[in-house]
PDB file of N, CA and C in Angstrom:
ATOM      1  N   UNK A   1      -7.743 104.917  -8.609  1.00  0.00           N
ATOM      2  CA  UNK A   1      -7.685 103.707  -7.949  1.00  0.00           C
ATOM      3  C   UNK A   1      -7.399 103.852  -6.442  1.00  0.00           C
ATOM      4  N   UNK A   2      -8.151 103.237  -5.587  1.00  0.00           N
ATOM      5  CA  UNK A   2      -8.082 103.422  -4.240  1.00  0.00           C
ATOM      6  C   UNK A   2      -6.905 102.605  -3.679  1.00  0.00           C
ATOM      7  N   UNK A   3      -6.383 102.948  -2.498  1.00  0.00           N
ATOM      8  CA  UNK A   3      -5.258 102.170  -1.876  1.00  0.00           C
ATOM      9  C   UNK A   3      -5.714 100.699  -1.593  1.00  0.00           C
ATOM     10  N   UNK A   4      -6.955 100.526  -1.289  1.00  0.00           N
ATOM     11  CA  UNK A   4      -7.383  99.106  -0.916  1.00  0.00           C
ATOM     12  C   UNK A   4      -7.449  98.289  -2.216  1.00  0.00           C
ATOM     13  N   UNK A   5      -7.831  98.970  -3.394  1.00  0.00           N
ATOM     14  CA  UNK A   5      -7.914  98.200  -4.656  1.00  0.00           C
ATOM     15  C   UNK A   5      -6.451  97.913  -5.120  1.00  0.00           C
ATOM     16  N   UNK A   6      -5.541  98.863  -4.791  1.00  0.00           N
ATOM     17  CA  UNK A   6      -4.202  98.535  -5.207  1.00  0.00           C
ATOM     18  C   UNK A   6      -3.595  97.379  -4.480  1.00  0.00           C
ATOM     19  N   UNK A   7      -3.931  97.275  -3.150  1.00  0.00           N
ATOM     20  CA  UNK A   7      -3.445  96.171  -2.387  1.00  0.00           C
ATOM     21  C   UNK A   7      -4.045  94.881  -2.872  1.00  0.00           C
ATOM     22  N   UNK A   8      -5.267  94.883  -3.210  1.00  0.00           N
ATOM     23  CA  UNK A   8      -5.911  93.694  -3.853  1.00  0.00           C
ATOM     24  C   UNK A   8      -5.267  93.280  -5.146  1.00  0.00           C
ATOM     25  N   UNK A   9      -4.985  94.378  -5.924  1.00  0.00           N
ATOM     26  CA  UNK A   9      -4.284  94.060  -7.184  1.00  0.00           C
ATOM     27  C   UNK A   9      -2.894  93.516  -6.922  1.00  0.00           C
ATOM     28  N   UNK A  10      -2.206  94.120  -5.996  1.00  0.00           N
ATOM     29  CA  UNK A  10      -0.902  93.549  -5.622  1.00  0.00           C
ATOM     30  C   UNK A  10      -0.967  92.096  -5.197  1.00  0.00           C
ATOM     31  N   UNK A  11      -1.933  91.743  -4.433  1.00  0.00           N
ATOM     32  CA  UNK A  11      -2.098  90.369  -4.038  1.00  0.00           C
ATOM     33  C   UNK A  11      -2.398  89.463  -5.291  1.00  0.00           C
ATOM     34  N   UNK A  12      -3.180  90.030  -6.128  1.00  0.00           N
ATOM     35  CA  UNK A  12      -3.496  89.285  -7.373  1.00  0.00           C
ATOM     36  C   UNK A  12      -2.276  89.142  -8.322  1.00  0.00           C
ATOM     37  N   UNK A  13      -1.476  90.038  -8.275  1.00  0.00           N
ATOM     38  CA  UNK A  13      -0.206  89.978  -9.077  1.00  0.00           C
ATOM     39  C   UNK A  13       0.763  88.984  -8.466  1.00  0.00           C
ATOM     40  N   UNK A  14       0.849  88.884  -7.223  1.00  0.00           N
ATOM     41  CA  UNK A  14       1.746  88.003  -6.463  1.00  0.00           C
ATOM     42  C   UNK A  14       1.153  86.579  -6.836  1.00  0.00           C
ATOM     43  N   UNK A  15      -0.172  86.369  -6.783  1.00  0.00           N
ATOM     44  CA  UNK A  15      -0.744  85.182  -7.096  1.00  0.00           C
ATOM     45  C   UNK A  15      -0.512  84.714  -8.526  1.00  0.00           C
ATOM     46  N   UNK A  16      -0.551  85.676  -9.409  1.00  0.00           N
ATOM     47  CA  UNK A  16      -0.249  85.343 -10.911  1.00  0.00           C
ATOM     48  C   UNK A  16       1.177  84.926 -11.021  1.00  0.00           C
ATOM     49  N   UNK A  17       2.055  85.628 -10.373  1.00  0.00           N
ATOM     50  CA  UNK A  17       3.417  85.288 -10.405  1.00  0.00           C
ATOM     51  C   UNK A  17       3.746  83.842  -9.855  1.00  0.00           C
ATOM     52  N   UNK A  18       3.149  83.561  -8.716  1.00  0.00           N
ATOM     53  CA  UNK A  18       3.251  82.318  -8.147  1.00  0.00           C
ATOM     54  C   UNK A  18       2.755  81.229  -9.075  1.00  0.00           C
ATOM     55  N   UNK A  19       1.634  81.438  -9.771  1.00  0.00           N
ATOM     56  CA  UNK A  19       1.115  80.472 -10.656  1.00  0.00           C
ATOM     57  C   UNK A  19       1.991  80.294 -11.910  1.00  0.00           C
ATOM     58  N   UNK A  20       2.580  81.309 -12.331  1.00  0.00           N
ATOM     59  CA  UNK A  20       3.450  81.236 -13.471  1.00  0.00           C
ATOM     60  C   UNK A  20       4.722  80.387 -13.080  1.00  0.00           C
ATOM     61  N   UNK A  21       5.229  80.696 -11.943  1.00  0.00           N
ATOM     62  CA  UNK A  21       6.478  79.912 -11.410  1.00  0.00           C
ATOM     63  C   UNK A  21       6.067  78.446 -11.180  1.00  0.00           C
ATOM     64  N   UNK A  22       4.909  78.224 -10.568  1.00  0.00           N
ATOM     65  CA  UNK A  22       4.508  76.854 -10.434  1.00  0.00           C
ATOM     66  C   UNK A  22       4.340  76.089 -11.652  1.00  0.00           C
ATOM     67  N   UNK A  23       3.725  76.696 -12.748  1.00  0.00           N
ATOM     68  CA  UNK A  23       3.529  76.153 -14.052  1.00  0.00           C
ATOM     69  C   UNK A  23       4.949  75.782 -14.555  1.00  0.00           C
ATOM     70  N   UNK A  24       5.938  76.654 -14.430  1.00  0.00           N
ATOM     71  CA  UNK A  24       7.307  76.373 -14.820  1.00  0.00           C
ATOM     72  C   UNK A  24       7.914  75.155 -14.128  1.00  0.00           C
ATOM     73  N   UNK A  25       7.624  75.041 -12.876  1.00  0.00           N
ATOM     74  CA  UNK A  25       8.195  73.920 -12.272  1.00  0.00           C
ATOM     75  C   UNK A  25       7.495  72.537 -12.621  1.00  0.00           C
ATOM     76  N   UNK A  26       6.211  72.663 -12.672  1.00  0.00           N
ATOM     77  CA  UNK A  26       5.425  71.425 -13.087  1.00  0.00           C
ATOM     78  C   UNK A  26       5.670  70.986 -14.583  1.00  0.00           C
ATOM     79  N   UNK A  27       5.801  71.932 -15.473  1.00  0.00           N
ATOM     80  CA  UNK A  27       5.966  71.575 -16.848  1.00  0.00           C
ATOM     81  C   UNK A  27       7.387  71.396 -17.267  1.00  0.00           C
ATOM     82  N   UNK A  28       8.321  71.852 -16.494  1.00  0.00           N
ATOM     83  CA  UNK A  28       9.736  71.872 -16.859  1.00  0.00           C
ATOM     84  C   UNK A  28      10.092  73.040 -17.685  1.00  0.00           C
ATOM     85  N   UNK A  29       9.225  73.893 -17.999  1.00  0.00           N
ATOM     86  CA  UNK A  29       9.503  75.079 -18.793  1.00  0.00           C
ATOM     87  C   UNK A  29       9.824  76.245 -17.813  1.00  0.00           C
ATOM     88  N   UNK A  30      10.681  77.081 -18.266  1.00  0.00           N
ATOM     89  CA  UNK A  30      11.094  78.199 -17.383  1.00  0.00           C
ATOM     90  C   UNK A  30      10.264  79.412 -17.872  1.00  0.00           C
ATOM     91  N   UNK A  31       9.560  80.056 -16.952  1.00  0.00           N
ATOM     92  CA  UNK A  31       8.928  81.380 -17.256  1.00  0.00           C
ATOM     93  C   UNK A  31       9.967  82.434 -16.877  1.00  0.00           C
ATOM     94  N   UNK A  32      10.475  83.081 -17.848  1.00  0.00           N
ATOM     95  CA  UNK A  32      11.467  84.092 -17.592  1.00  0.00           C
ATOM     96  C   UNK A  32      10.890  85.447 -17.487  1.00  0.00           C
ATOM     97  N   UNK A  33      10.577  85.947 -16.290  1.00  0.00           N
ATOM     98  CA  UNK A  33      10.030  87.153 -16.061  1.00  0.00           C
ATOM     99  C   UNK A  33      10.918  88.360 -16.380  1.00  0.00           C
ATOM    100  N   UNK A  34      12.282  88.046 -16.379  1.00  0.00           N
ATOM    101  CA  UNK A  34      13.233  89.110 -16.809  1.00  0.00           C
ATOM    102  C   UNK A  34      13.011  89.535 -18.185  1.00  0.00           C
ATOM    103  N   UNK A  35      12.538  88.648 -19.047  1.00  0.00           N
ATOM    104  CA  UNK A  35      12.353  88.973 -20.573  1.00  0.00           C
ATOM    105  C   UNK A  35      10.860  89.303 -20.814  1.00  0.00           C
ATOM    106  N   UNK A  36      10.066  89.334 -19.746  1.00  0.00           N
ATOM    107  CA  UNK A  36       8.607  89.661 -19.949  1.00  0.00           C
ATOM    108  C   UNK A  36       8.400  91.185 -19.896  1.00  0.00           C
ATOM    109  N   UNK A  37       7.310  91.602 -20.388  1.00  0.00           N
ATOM    110  CA  UNK A  37       6.929  93.025 -20.443  1.00  0.00           C
ATOM    111  C   UNK A  37       5.568  93.178 -19.950  1.00  0.00           C
ATOM    112  N   UNK A  38       5.317  94.348 -19.433  1.00  0.00           N
ATOM    113  CA  UNK A  38       3.883  94.687 -19.057  1.00  0.00           C
ATOM    114  C   UNK A  38       3.533  96.002 -19.762  1.00  0.00           C
ATOM    115  N   UNK A  39       2.334  96.017 -20.232  1.00  0.00           N
ATOM    116  CA  UNK A  39       1.769  97.130 -21.022  1.00  0.00           C
ATOM    117  C   UNK A  39       0.565  97.644 -20.304  1.00  0.00           C
ATOM    118  N   UNK A  40       0.446  98.915 -20.205  1.00  0.00           N
ATOM    119  CA  UNK A  40      -0.774  99.454 -19.483  1.00  0.00           C
ATOM    120  C   UNK A  40      -1.705 100.304 -20.435  1.00  0.00           C
ATOM    121  N   UNK A  41      -2.926 100.161 -20.147  1.00  0.00           N
ATOM    122  CA  UNK A  41      -3.884 100.970 -20.901  1.00  0.00           C
ATOM    123  C   UNK A  41      -4.584 101.886 -19.974  1.00  0.00           C
ATOM    124  N   UNK A  42      -4.540 103.113 -20.198  1.00  0.00           N
ATOM    125  CA  UNK A  42      -5.037 104.174 -19.362  1.00  0.00           C
ATOM    126  C   UNK A  42      -4.624 104.093 -17.855  1.00  0.00           C
ATOM    127  N   UNK A  43      -3.362 103.763 -17.673  1.00  0.00           N
ATOM    128  CA  UNK A  43      -2.757 103.700 -16.431  1.00  0.00           C
ATOM    129  C   UNK A  43      -1.538 104.688 -16.423  1.00  0.00           C
ATOM    130  N   UNK A  44      -1.310 105.410 -15.355  1.00  0.00           N
ATOM    131  CA  UNK A  44      -0.181 106.338 -15.319  1.00  0.00           C
ATOM    132  C   UNK A  44       1.169 105.538 -15.155  1.00  0.00           C
ATOM    133  N   UNK A  45       2.293 106.215 -15.540  1.00  0.00           N
ATOM    134  CA  UNK A  45       3.549 105.573 -15.587  1.00  0.00           C
ATOM    135  C   UNK A  45       3.974 104.976 -14.224  1.00  0.00           C
ATOM    136  N   UNK A  46       3.687 105.736 -13.182  1.00  0.00           N
ATOM    137  CA  UNK A  46       4.077 105.354 -11.794  1.00  0.00           C
ATOM    138  C   UNK A  46       3.474 103.982 -11.407  1.00  0.00           C
ATOM    139  N   UNK A  47       2.065 103.988 -11.785  1.00  0.00           N
ATOM    140  CA  UNK A  47       1.360 102.658 -11.416  1.00  0.00           C
ATOM    141  C   UNK A  47       1.875 101.504 -12.273  1.00  0.00           C
ATOM    142  N   UNK A  48       2.158 101.725 -13.500  1.00  0.00           N
ATOM    143  CA  UNK A  48       2.721 100.637 -14.303  1.00  0.00           C
ATOM    144  C   UNK A  48       4.011 100.120 -13.757  1.00  0.00           C
ATOM    145  N   UNK A  49       4.842 101.164 -13.290  1.00  0.00           N
ATOM    146  CA  UNK A  49       6.196 100.840 -12.758  1.00  0.00           C
ATOM    147  C   UNK A  49       6.150 100.032 -11.462  1.00  0.00           C
ATOM    148  N   UNK A  50       5.121 100.287 -10.673  1.00  0.00           N
ATOM    149  CA  UNK A  50       4.900  99.507  -9.456  1.00  0.00           C
ATOM    150  C   UNK A  50       4.471  98.096  -9.825  1.00  0.00           C
ATOM    151  N   UNK A  51       3.612  97.934 -10.723  1.00  0.00           N
ATOM    152  CA  UNK A  51       3.167  96.616 -11.194  1.00  0.00           C
ATOM    153  C   UNK A  51       4.360  95.845 -11.723  1.00  0.00           C
ATOM    154  N   UNK A  52       5.115  96.444 -12.589  1.00  0.00           N
ATOM    155  CA  UNK A  52       6.305  95.725 -13.178  1.00  0.00           C
ATOM    156  C   UNK A  52       7.235  95.383 -11.996  1.00  0.00           C
ATOM    157  N   UNK A  53       7.515  96.207 -11.035  1.00  0.00           N
ATOM    158  CA  UNK A  53       8.331  95.941  -9.912  1.00  0.00           C
ATOM    159  C   UNK A  53       7.821  94.719  -9.105  1.00  0.00           C
ATOM    160  N   UNK A  54       6.540  94.570  -9.011  1.00  0.00           N
ATOM    161  CA  UNK A  54       5.911  93.471  -8.256  1.00  0.00           C
ATOM    162  C   UNK A  54       6.152  92.135  -9.133  1.00  0.00           C
ATOM    163  N   UNK A  55       5.930  92.256 -10.380  1.00  0.00           N
ATOM    164  CA  UNK A  55       6.152  90.994 -11.281  1.00  0.00           C
ATOM    165  C   UNK A  55       7.635  90.868 -11.614  1.00  0.00           C
ATOM    166  N   UNK A  56       8.470  91.735 -11.307  1.00  0.00           N
ATOM    167  CA  UNK A  56       9.932  91.660 -11.659  1.00  0.00           C
ATOM    168  C   UNK A  56      10.009  91.542 -13.219  1.00  0.00           C
ATOM    169  N   UNK A  57       9.357  92.397 -13.935  1.00  0.00           N
ATOM    170  CA  UNK A  57       9.412  92.374 -15.368  1.00  0.00           C
ATOM    171  C   UNK A  57       9.666  93.864 -15.866  1.00  0.00           C
ATOM    172  N   UNK A  58       9.730  94.066 -17.180  1.00  0.00           N
ATOM    173  CA  UNK A  58       9.946  95.400 -17.710  1.00  0.00           C
ATOM    174  C   UNK A  58       8.696  96.047 -18.152  1.00  0.00           C
ATOM    175  N   UNK A  59       8.626  97.446 -18.163  1.00  0.00           N
ATOM    176  CA  UNK A  59       7.512  98.210 -18.639  1.00  0.00           C
ATOM    177  C   UNK A  59       7.777  98.417 -20.047  1.00  0.00           C
ATOM    178  N   UNK A  60       6.890  98.322 -20.970  1.00  0.00           N
ATOM    179  CA  UNK A  60       6.982  98.660 -22.328  1.00  0.00           C
ATOM    180  C   UNK A  60       5.787  99.447 -22.762  1.00  0.00           C
ATOM    181  N   UNK A  61       6.076 100.171 -23.882  1.00  0.00           N
ATOM    182  CA  UNK A  61       4.982 101.033 -24.518  1.00  0.00           C
ATOM    183  C   UNK A  61       4.417 100.420 -25.719  1.00  0.00           C
ATOM    184  N   UNK A  62       3.541 101.184 -26.302  1.00  0.00           N
ATOM    185  CA  UNK A  62       2.938 100.857 -27.525  1.00  0.00           C
ATOM    186  C   UNK A  62       3.669 101.319 -28.760  1.00  0.00           C
ATOM    187  N   UNK A  63       3.690 100.728 -29.830  1.00  0.00           N
ATOM    188  CA  UNK A  63       2.908  99.450 -30.167  1.00  0.00           C
ATOM    189  C   UNK A  63       3.672  98.227 -29.677  1.00  0.00           C
ATOM    190  N   UNK A  64       2.930  97.160 -29.379  1.00  0.00           N
ATOM    191  CA  UNK A  64       3.485  95.866 -29.018  1.00  0.00           C
ATOM    192  C   UNK A  64       4.154  95.257 -30.152  1.00  0.00           C
ATOM    193  N   UNK A  65       5.358  94.923 -30.096  1.00  0.00           N
ATOM    194  CA  UNK A  65       6.066  94.166 -31.116  1.00  0.00           C
ATOM    195  C   UNK A  65       6.112  92.687 -30.916  1.00  0.00           C
ATOM    196  N   UNK A  66       5.955  91.937 -31.972  1.00  0.00           N
ATOM    197  CA  UNK A  66       6.050  90.526 -31.975  1.00  0.00           C
ATOM    198  C   UNK A  66       6.928  90.076 -33.137  1.00  0.00           C
ATOM    199  N   UNK A  67       8.103  89.589 -32.863  1.00  0.00           N
ATOM    200  CA  UNK A  67       9.041  89.237 -33.970  1.00  0.00           C
ATOM    201  C   UNK A  67       9.436  90.466 -34.732  1.00  0.00           C
ATOM    202  N   UNK A  68       9.428  91.678 -34.009  1.00  0.00           N
ATOM    203  CA  UNK A  68       9.851  92.834 -34.697  1.00  0.00           C
ATOM    204  C   UNK A  68       8.829  93.555 -35.387  1.00  0.00           C
ATOM    205  N   UNK A  69       7.589  92.938 -35.495  1.00  0.00           N
ATOM    206  CA  UNK A  69       6.466  93.626 -36.223  1.00  0.00           C
ATOM    207  C   UNK A  69       5.439  94.167 -35.292  1.00  0.00           C
ATOM    208  N   UNK A  70       4.793  95.209 -35.467  1.00  0.00           N
ATOM    209  CA  UNK A  70       3.725  95.670 -34.561  1.00  0.00           C
ATOM    210  C   UNK A  70       2.433  94.876 -34.621  1.00  0.00           C
ATOM    211  N   UNK A  71       1.997  94.400 -33.464  1.00  0.00           N
ATOM    212  CA  UNK A  71       0.797  93.617 -33.397  1.00  0.00           C
ATOM    213  C   UNK A  71      -0.397  94.568 -33.910  1.00  0.00           C
ATOM    214  N   UNK A  72      -1.277  94.086 -34.678  1.00  0.00           N
ATOM    215  CA  UNK A  72      -2.427  94.763 -35.146  1.00  0.00           C
ATOM    216  C   UNK A  72      -2.175  95.687 -36.215  1.00  0.00           C
ATOM    217  N   UNK A  73      -0.895  95.730 -36.661  1.00  0.00           N
ATOM    218  CA  UNK A  73      -0.492  96.607 -37.750  1.00  0.00           C
ATOM    219  C   UNK A  73      -1.169  96.004 -39.202  1.00  0.00           C
ATOM    220  N   UNK A  74      -1.116  96.912 -40.080  1.00  0.00           N
ATOM    221  CA  UNK A  74      -1.646  96.511 -41.452  1.00  0.00           C
ATOM    222  C   UNK A  74      -0.522  96.184 -42.277  1.00  0.00           C
ATOM    223  N   UNK A  75      -0.397  94.865 -42.652  1.00  0.00           N
ATOM    224  CA  UNK A  75       0.692  94.425 -43.505  1.00  0.00           C
ATOM    225  C   UNK A  75       0.731  95.069 -44.949  1.00  0.00           C
ATOM    226  N   UNK A  76      -0.351  95.691 -45.290  1.00  0.00           N
ATOM    227  CA  UNK A  76      -0.305  96.317 -46.581  1.00  0.00           C
ATOM    228  C   UNK A  76       0.119  97.800 -46.446  1.00  0.00           C
ATOM    229  N   UNK A  77       0.265  98.316 -45.338  1.00  0.00           N
ATOM    230  CA  UNK A  77       0.600  99.694 -45.070  1.00  0.00           C
ATOM    231  C   UNK A  77       2.071  99.841 -45.477  1.00  0.00           C
ATOM    232  N   UNK A  78       2.359 101.048 -45.908  1.00  0.00           N
ATOM    233  CA  UNK A  78       3.781 101.417 -46.202  1.00  0.00           C
ATOM    234  C   UNK A  78       4.585 101.419 -44.960  1.00  0.00           C
ATOM    235  N   UNK A  79       5.720 100.806 -44.910  1.00  0.00           N
ATOM    236  CA  UNK A  79       6.618 100.783 -43.786  1.00  0.00           C
ATOM    237  C   UNK A  79       6.406  99.639 -42.781  1.00  0.00           C
ATOM    238  N   UNK A  80       5.318  98.895 -43.024  1.00  0.00           N
ATOM    239  CA  UNK A  80       5.113  97.803 -41.989  1.00  0.00           C
ATOM    240  C   UNK A  80       6.215  96.771 -42.079  1.00  0.00           C
ATOM    241  N   UNK A  81       6.745  96.428 -43.283  1.00  0.00           N
ATOM    242  CA  UNK A  81       7.748  95.321 -43.371  1.00  0.00           C
ATOM    243  C   UNK A  81       9.187  95.964 -43.270  1.00  0.00           C
ATOM    244  N   UNK A  82       9.325  97.271 -43.116  1.00  0.00           N
ATOM    245  CA  UNK A  82      10.652  97.815 -43.039  1.00  0.00           C
ATOM    246  C   UNK A  82      11.582  97.246 -42.067  1.00  0.00           C
ATOM    247  N   UNK A  83      11.109  96.951 -40.775  1.00  0.00           N
ATOM    248  CA  UNK A  83      12.087  96.297 -39.879  1.00  0.00           C
ATOM    249  C   UNK A  83      12.587  94.832 -40.332  1.00  0.00           C
ATOM    250  N   UNK A  84      11.642  94.155 -41.069  1.00  0.00           N
ATOM    251  CA  UNK A  84      12.138  92.806 -41.561  1.00  0.00           C
ATOM    252  C   UNK A  84      13.150  93.017 -42.674  1.00  0.00           C
ATOM    253  N   UNK A  85      12.796  93.952 -43.561  1.00  0.00           N
ATOM    254  CA  UNK A  85      13.703  94.198 -44.725  1.00  0.00           C
ATOM    255  C   UNK A  85      15.093  94.614 -44.203  1.00  0.00           C
ATOM    256  N   UNK A  86      15.063  95.623 -43.292  1.00  0.00           N
ATOM    257  CA  UNK A  86      16.303  96.088 -42.596  1.00  0.00           C
ATOM    258  C   UNK A  86      17.150  94.953 -42.046  1.00  0.00           C
ATOM    259  N   UNK A  87      16.409  94.036 -41.378  1.00  0.00           N
ATOM    260  CA  UNK A  87      17.102  92.846 -40.673  1.00  0.00           C
ATOM    261  C   UNK A  87      17.788  91.945 -41.668  1.00  0.00           C
ATOM    262  N   UNK A  88      17.262  91.803 -42.912  1.00  0.00           N
ATOM    263  CA  UNK A  88      17.857  90.848 -43.886  1.00  0.00           C
ATOM    264  C   UNK A  88      18.751  91.610 -44.890  1.00  0.00           C
ATOM    265  N   UNK A  89      18.748  92.956 -44.947  1.00  0.00           N
ATOM    266  CA  UNK A  89      19.659  93.650 -45.858  1.00  0.00           C
ATOM    267  C   UNK A  89      21.153  93.537 -45.342  1.00  0.00           C
ATOM    268  N   UNK A  90      21.963  93.458 -46.351  1.00  0.00           N
ATOM    269  CA  UNK A  90      23.446  93.454 -45.972  1.00  0.00           C
ATOM    270  C   UNK A  90      23.961  94.809 -45.762  1.00  0.00           C
ATOM    271  N   UNK A  91      24.933  94.916 -44.869  1.00  0.00           N
ATOM    272  CA  UNK A  91      25.427  96.285 -44.578  1.00  0.00           C
ATOM    273  C   UNK A  91      26.296  96.741 -45.609  1.00  0.00           C
TER     274      UNK A  91
END
């Protein structure tokens, strides 16, 4: 990625952040970037970290979890439901 394309990307991210914050003000909903994550595909860790710093969010890795389950995972595969089962088991 060239320096000029990174500057354009930085401006795009600032615009995205501004749009998210404007949406929050207009709708009355709060966009909590502190709880947001950014995931990179084929990007080095330093680049992802700069993007996360711009958006003021966290860097996360794969697999992406939603409600404790991996997105795109096979629910019939062994171990898929283990996090849910562990959550509901008594100690």
